[in-house]
Amino acid sequence: MLQESYVLIHQEREDENNRLKKELSQRDFARRGELIRRRQAITGEVFDEARQKLQTYTATPAYLRQLRDSLTEMRTMLPAEDTVYFLTERDRALQEQLADLCPAGSRFEYTADIALGGVRGENQSAGILVDDTLDVKLEQQEEWFVQTIGLTVKPV
């Protein structure tokens, strides 16, 4: 009888411990989910604001200078023959101001996959791609932002 009581008490204690562990684990999981959602919201807000500022920047003379500098640098990395310089459709208006930087044998094309601006040079025959778009630069900053700001969610 004493042995049966001991086994019953031990089993009840183990069941209670397991129940508490499960409950704590579920609470921790839910709390981490809330933190992740909040981190995503903060990051989204920051990067939405950055996108808006970059959109404003693309209407400035500094942006034209940046495009010219990017093209000048890309010309040293990409062969002139068959290179395509991709710009956003919005930058079509700048073509005259950029034309002197497009080497003979190369051309400009306008694409919707560059949303913010900048330039991407591609030479398929040489297998070279140089991306200096604002889109890629902003994307690269996002992971850095999460880590630097301390928004990572670590298991307890």
C-alpha atoms as a PDB file:
ATOM      1  CA  MET A   1       0.000   0.000   0.000  1.00  0.00           C
ATOM      2  CA  LEU A   2       2.796   2.434   0.851  1.00  0.00           C
ATOM      3  CA  GLN A   3       4.618   1.545  -2.367  1.00  0.00           C
ATOM      4  CA  GLU A   4       1.467   2.157  -4.431  1.00  0.00           C
ATOM      5  CA  SER A   5       0.970   5.560  -2.774  1.00  0.00           C
ATOM      6  CA  TYR A   6       4.581   6.483  -3.469  1.00  0.00           C
ATOM      7  CA  VAL A   7       4.238   5.506  -7.166  1.00  0.00           C
ATOM      8  CA  LEU A   8       0.944   7.420  -7.452  1.00  0.00           C
ATOM      9  CA  ILE A   9       2.403  10.573  -5.861  1.00  0.00           C
ATOM     10  CA  HIS A  10       5.515  10.324  -8.021  1.00  0.00           C
ATOM     11  CA  GLN A  11       3.392   9.908 -11.177  1.00  0.00           C
ATOM     12  CA  GLU A  12       1.146  12.848 -10.241  1.00  0.00           C
ATOM     13  CA  ARG A  13       4.197  15.043  -9.592  1.00  0.00           C
ATOM     14  CA  GLU A  14       5.710  14.036 -12.934  1.00  0.00           C
ATOM     15  CA  ASP A  15       2.401  14.701 -14.728  1.00  0.00           C
ATOM     16  CA  GLU A  16       2.173  18.146 -13.087  1.00  0.00           C
ATOM     17  CA  ASN A  17       5.790  18.962 -14.029  1.00  0.00           C
ATOM     18  CA  ASN A  18       5.107  17.933 -17.625  1.00  0.00           C
ATOM     19  CA  ARG A  19       1.937  20.033 -17.694  1.00  0.00           C
ATOM     20  CA  LEU A  20       3.814  23.066 -16.340  1.00  0.00           C
ATOM     21  CA  LYS A  21       6.672  22.590 -18.819  1.00  0.00           C
ATOM     22  CA  LYS A  22       4.190  22.372 -21.673  1.00  0.00           C
ATOM     23  CA  GLU A  23       2.346  25.477 -20.480  1.00  0.00           C
ATOM     24  CA  LEU A  24       5.598  27.459 -20.117  1.00  0.00           C
ATOM     25  CA  SER A  25       6.742  26.306 -23.529  1.00  0.00           C
ATOM     26  CA  GLN A  26       3.459  27.379 -25.118  1.00  0.00           C
ATOM     27  CA  ARG A  27       3.636  30.794 -23.404  1.00  0.00           C
ATOM     28  CA  ASP A  28       7.252  31.230 -24.500  1.00  0.00           C
ATOM     29  CA  PHE A  29       6.345  30.245 -28.067  1.00  0.00           C
ATOM     30  CA  ALA A  30       3.452  32.724 -28.111  1.00  0.00           C
ATOM     31  CA  ARG A  31       5.626  35.499 -26.620  1.00  0.00           C
ATOM     32  CA  ARG A  32       8.363  34.903 -29.207  1.00  0.00           C
ATOM     33  CA  GLY A  33       5.703  34.992 -31.932  1.00  0.00           C
ATOM     34  CA  GLU A  34       4.510  38.365 -30.621  1.00  0.00           C
ATOM     35  CA  LEU A  35       8.100  39.652 -30.548  1.00  0.00           C
ATOM     36  CA  ILE A  36       8.717  38.474 -34.093  1.00  0.00           C
ATOM     37  CA  ARG A  37       5.546  40.172 -35.310  1.00  0.00           C
ATOM     38  CA  ARG A  38       6.521  43.388 -33.506  1.00  0.00           C
ATOM     39  CA  ARG A  39      10.060  43.203 -34.930  1.00  0.00           C
ATOM     40  CA  GLN A  40       8.623  42.797 -38.421  1.00  0.00           C
ATOM     41  CA  ALA A  41       6.298  45.755 -37.867  1.00  0.00           C
ATOM     42  CA  ILE A  42       9.142  47.994 -36.644  1.00  0.00           C
ATOM     43  CA  THR A  43      11.401  46.915 -39.490  1.00  0.00           C
ATOM     44  CA  GLY A  44       8.579  47.445 -41.978  1.00  0.00           C
ATOM     45  CA  GLU A  45       7.920  50.956 -40.679  1.00  0.00           C
ATOM     46  CA  VAL A  46      11.590  51.913 -40.796  1.00  0.00           C
ATOM     47  CA  PHE A  47      12.114  50.537 -44.294  1.00  0.00           C
ATOM     48  CA  ASP A  48       8.864  52.009 -45.625  1.00  0.00           C
ATOM     49  CA  GLU A  49      10.106  55.397 -44.463  1.00  0.00           C
ATOM     50  CA  ALA A  50      13.506  54.728 -46.034  1.00  0.00           C
ATOM     51  CA  ARG A  51      11.816  53.808 -49.338  1.00  0.00           C
ATOM     52  CA  GLN A  52       9.865  57.073 -49.258  1.00  0.00           C
ATOM     53  CA  LYS A  53      13.044  59.063 -48.612  1.00  0.00           C
ATOM     54  CA  LEU A  54      14.808  57.246 -51.450  1.00  0.00           C
ATOM     55  CA  GLN A  55      11.888  58.041 -53.767  1.00  0.00           C
ATOM     56  CA  THR A  56      12.291  61.708 -52.858  1.00  0.00           C
ATOM     57  CA  TYR A  57      16.056  61.452 -53.368  1.00  0.00           C
ATOM     58  CA  THR A  58      15.601  60.161 -56.929  1.00  0.00           C
ATOM     59  CA  ALA A  59      14.142  63.538 -57.907  1.00  0.00           C
ATOM     60  CA  THR A  60      17.288  65.429 -56.879  1.00  0.00           C
ATOM     61  CA  PRO A  61      20.397  66.431 -58.826  1.00  0.00           C
ATOM     62  CA  ALA A  62      22.417  64.279 -56.397  1.00  0.00           C
ATOM     63  CA  TYR A  63      20.655  61.193 -57.752  1.00  0.00           C
ATOM     64  CA  LEU A  64      21.657  62.042 -61.315  1.00  0.00           C
ATOM     65  CA  ARG A  65      25.252  62.448 -60.116  1.00  0.00           C
ATOM     66  CA  GLN A  66      25.027  59.052 -58.409  1.00  0.00           C
ATOM     67  CA  LEU A  67      23.746  57.425 -61.601  1.00  0.00           C
ATOM     68  CA  ARG A  68      26.557  59.003 -63.601  1.00  0.00           C
ATOM     69  CA  ASP A  69      29.131  57.841 -61.041  1.00  0.00           C
ATOM     70  CA  SER A  70      27.687  54.308 -61.085  1.00  0.00           C
ATOM     71  CA  LEU A  71      27.777  54.154 -64.872  1.00  0.00           C
ATOM     72  CA  THR A  72      31.329  55.505 -64.946  1.00  0.00           C
ATOM     73  CA  GLU A  73      32.451  52.790 -62.540  1.00  0.00           C
ATOM     74  CA  MET A  74      30.518  50.033 -64.313  1.00  0.00           C
ATOM     75  CA  ARG A  75      32.138  50.923 -67.629  1.00  0.00           C
ATOM     76  CA  THR A  76      35.459  49.860 -66.115  1.00  0.00           C
ATOM     77  CA  MET A  77      34.044  46.477 -65.035  1.00  0.00           C
ATOM     78  CA  LEU A  78      31.911  45.527 -68.023  1.00  0.00           C
ATOM     79  CA  PRO A  79      32.942  45.048 -71.640  1.00  0.00           C
ATOM     80  CA  ALA A  80      31.412  47.651 -73.953  1.00  0.00           C
ATOM     81  CA  GLU A  81      30.060  45.157 -76.456  1.00  0.00           C
ATOM     82  CA  ASP A  82      26.614  43.732 -75.594  1.00  0.00           C
ATOM     83  CA  THR A  83      26.347  45.319 -72.148  1.00  0.00           C
ATOM     84  CA  VAL A  84      22.868  46.348 -71.080  1.00  0.00           C
ATOM     85  CA  TYR A  85      22.413  49.019 -68.431  1.00  0.00           C
ATOM     86  CA  PHE A  86      19.055  48.612 -66.728  1.00  0.00           C
ATOM     87  CA  LEU A  87      17.307  51.604 -65.211  1.00  0.00           C
ATOM     88  CA  THR A  88      13.870  52.123 -63.769  1.00  0.00           C
ATOM     89  CA  GLU A  89      11.235  53.340 -66.208  1.00  0.00           C
ATOM     90  CA  ARG A  90      11.106  56.611 -64.278  1.00  0.00           C
ATOM     91  CA  ASP A  91      14.754  57.255 -65.198  1.00  0.00           C
ATOM     92  CA  ARG A  92      13.985  57.224 -68.926  1.00  0.00           C
ATOM     93  CA  ALA A  93      13.710  61.010 -68.604  1.00  0.00           C
ATOM     94  CA  LEU A  94      17.429  61.103 -67.694  1.00  0.00           C
ATOM     95  CA  GLN A  95      18.599  59.223 -70.786  1.00  0.00           C
ATOM     96  CA  GLU A  96      19.973  62.318 -72.541  1.00  0.00           C
ATOM     97  CA  GLN A  97      22.018  63.216 -69.469  1.00  0.00           C
ATOM     98  CA  LEU A  98      23.405  59.668 -69.250  1.00  0.00           C
ATOM     99  CA  ALA A  99      23.886  58.885 -72.949  1.00  0.00           C
ATOM    100  CA  ASP A 100      27.536  60.011 -73.015  1.00  0.00           C
ATOM    101  CA  LEU A 101      28.348  57.286 -70.462  1.00  0.00           C
ATOM    102  CA  CYS A 102      26.847  54.439 -72.501  1.00  0.00           C
ATOM    103  CA  PRO A 103      29.720  53.017 -74.588  1.00  0.00           C
ATOM    104  CA  ALA A 104      29.234  52.097 -78.227  1.00  0.00           C
ATOM    105  CA  GLY A 105      27.897  48.543 -78.392  1.00  0.00           C
ATOM    106  CA  SER A 106      26.010  48.976 -75.117  1.00  0.00           C
ATOM    107  CA  ARG A 107      22.459  50.138 -74.528  1.00  0.00           C
ATOM    108  CA  PHE A 108      20.000  51.282 -71.899  1.00  0.00           C
ATOM    109  CA  GLU A 109      16.889  49.288 -71.103  1.00  0.00           C
ATOM    110  CA  TYR A 110      14.143  50.214 -68.700  1.00  0.00           C
ATOM    111  CA  THR A 111      12.648  47.676 -66.354  1.00  0.00           C
ATOM    112  CA  ALA A 112       9.901  47.465 -63.755  1.00  0.00           C
ATOM    113  CA  ASP A 113      11.961  45.199 -61.487  1.00  0.00           C
ATOM    114  CA  ILE A 114      13.973  48.198 -60.306  1.00  0.00           C
ATOM    115  CA  ALA A 115      11.454  49.999 -58.124  1.00  0.00           C
ATOM    116  CA  LEU A 116      13.528  52.669 -56.395  1.00  0.00           C
ATOM    117  CA  GLY A 117      16.287  53.562 -58.816  1.00  0.00           C
ATOM    118  CA  GLY A 118      19.939  53.102 -59.557  1.00  0.00           C
ATOM    119  CA  VAL A 119      21.518  51.090 -62.316  1.00  0.00           C
ATOM    120  CA  ARG A 120      22.265  47.444 -62.984  1.00  0.00           C
ATOM    121  CA  GLY A 121      24.758  46.501 -65.686  1.00  0.00           C
ATOM    122  CA  GLU A 122      24.699  43.085 -67.294  1.00  0.00           C
ATOM    123  CA  ASN A 123      26.817  41.454 -69.946  1.00  0.00           C
ATOM    124  CA  GLN A 124      25.464  37.963 -70.548  1.00  0.00           C
ATOM    125  CA  SER A 125      28.195  36.900 -72.956  1.00  0.00           C
ATOM    126  CA  ALA A 126      30.852  37.687 -70.342  1.00  0.00           C
ATOM    127  CA  GLY A 127      28.674  36.415 -67.483  1.00  0.00           C
ATOM    128  CA  ILE A 128      29.018  39.645 -65.498  1.00  0.00           C
ATOM    129  CA  LEU A 129      26.315  41.378 -63.489  1.00  0.00           C
ATOM    130  CA  VAL A 130      26.964  44.560 -61.520  1.00  0.00           C
ATOM    131  CA  ASP A 131      24.040  45.773 -59.427  1.00  0.00           C
ATOM    132  CA  ASP A 132      24.175  49.273 -58.001  1.00  0.00           C
ATOM    133  CA  THR A 133      20.447  49.756 -57.552  1.00  0.00           C
ATOM    134  CA  LEU A 134      18.909  51.447 -54.556  1.00  0.00           C
ATOM    135  CA  ASP A 135      16.618  48.424 -54.262  1.00  0.00           C
ATOM    136  CA  VAL A 136      19.507  46.025 -53.624  1.00  0.00           C
ATOM    137  CA  LYS A 137      21.295  48.446 -51.306  1.00  0.00           C
ATOM    138  CA  LEU A 138      18.161  48.831 -49.192  1.00  0.00           C
ATOM    139  CA  GLU A 139      17.592  45.067 -49.135  1.00  0.00           C
ATOM    140  CA  GLN A 140      21.157  44.493 -47.925  1.00  0.00           C
ATOM    141  CA  GLN A 141      20.612  46.937 -45.092  1.00  0.00           C
ATOM    142  CA  GLU A 142      17.600  45.129 -43.675  1.00  0.00           C
ATOM    143  CA  GLU A 143      19.459  42.155 -42.127  1.00  0.00           C
ATOM    144  CA  TRP A 144      22.171  44.471 -40.865  1.00  0.00           C
ATOM    145  CA  PHE A 145      19.476  46.658 -39.298  1.00  0.00           C
ATOM    146  CA  VAL A 146      17.799  43.767 -37.464  1.00  0.00           C
ATOM    147  CA  GLN A 147      21.109  42.538 -36.036  1.00  0.00           C
ATOM    148  CA  THR A 148      22.556  45.949 -35.176  1.00  0.00           C
ATOM    149  CA  ILE A 149      19.418  47.322 -33.590  1.00  0.00           C
ATOM    150  CA  GLY A 150      19.129  44.216 -31.420  1.00  0.00           C
ATOM    151  CA  LEU A 151      15.785  43.034 -32.742  1.00  0.00           C
ATOM    152  CA  THR A 152      16.794  39.388 -33.025  1.00  0.00           C
ATOM    153  CA  VAL A 153      14.574  36.970 -31.121  1.00  0.00           C
ATOM    154  CA  LYS A 154      16.650  34.328 -29.384  1.00  0.00           C
ATOM    155  CA  PRO A 155      15.353  31.178 -27.686  1.00  0.00           C
ATOM    156  CA  VAL A 156      15.408  31.334 -23.917  1.00  0.00           C
END
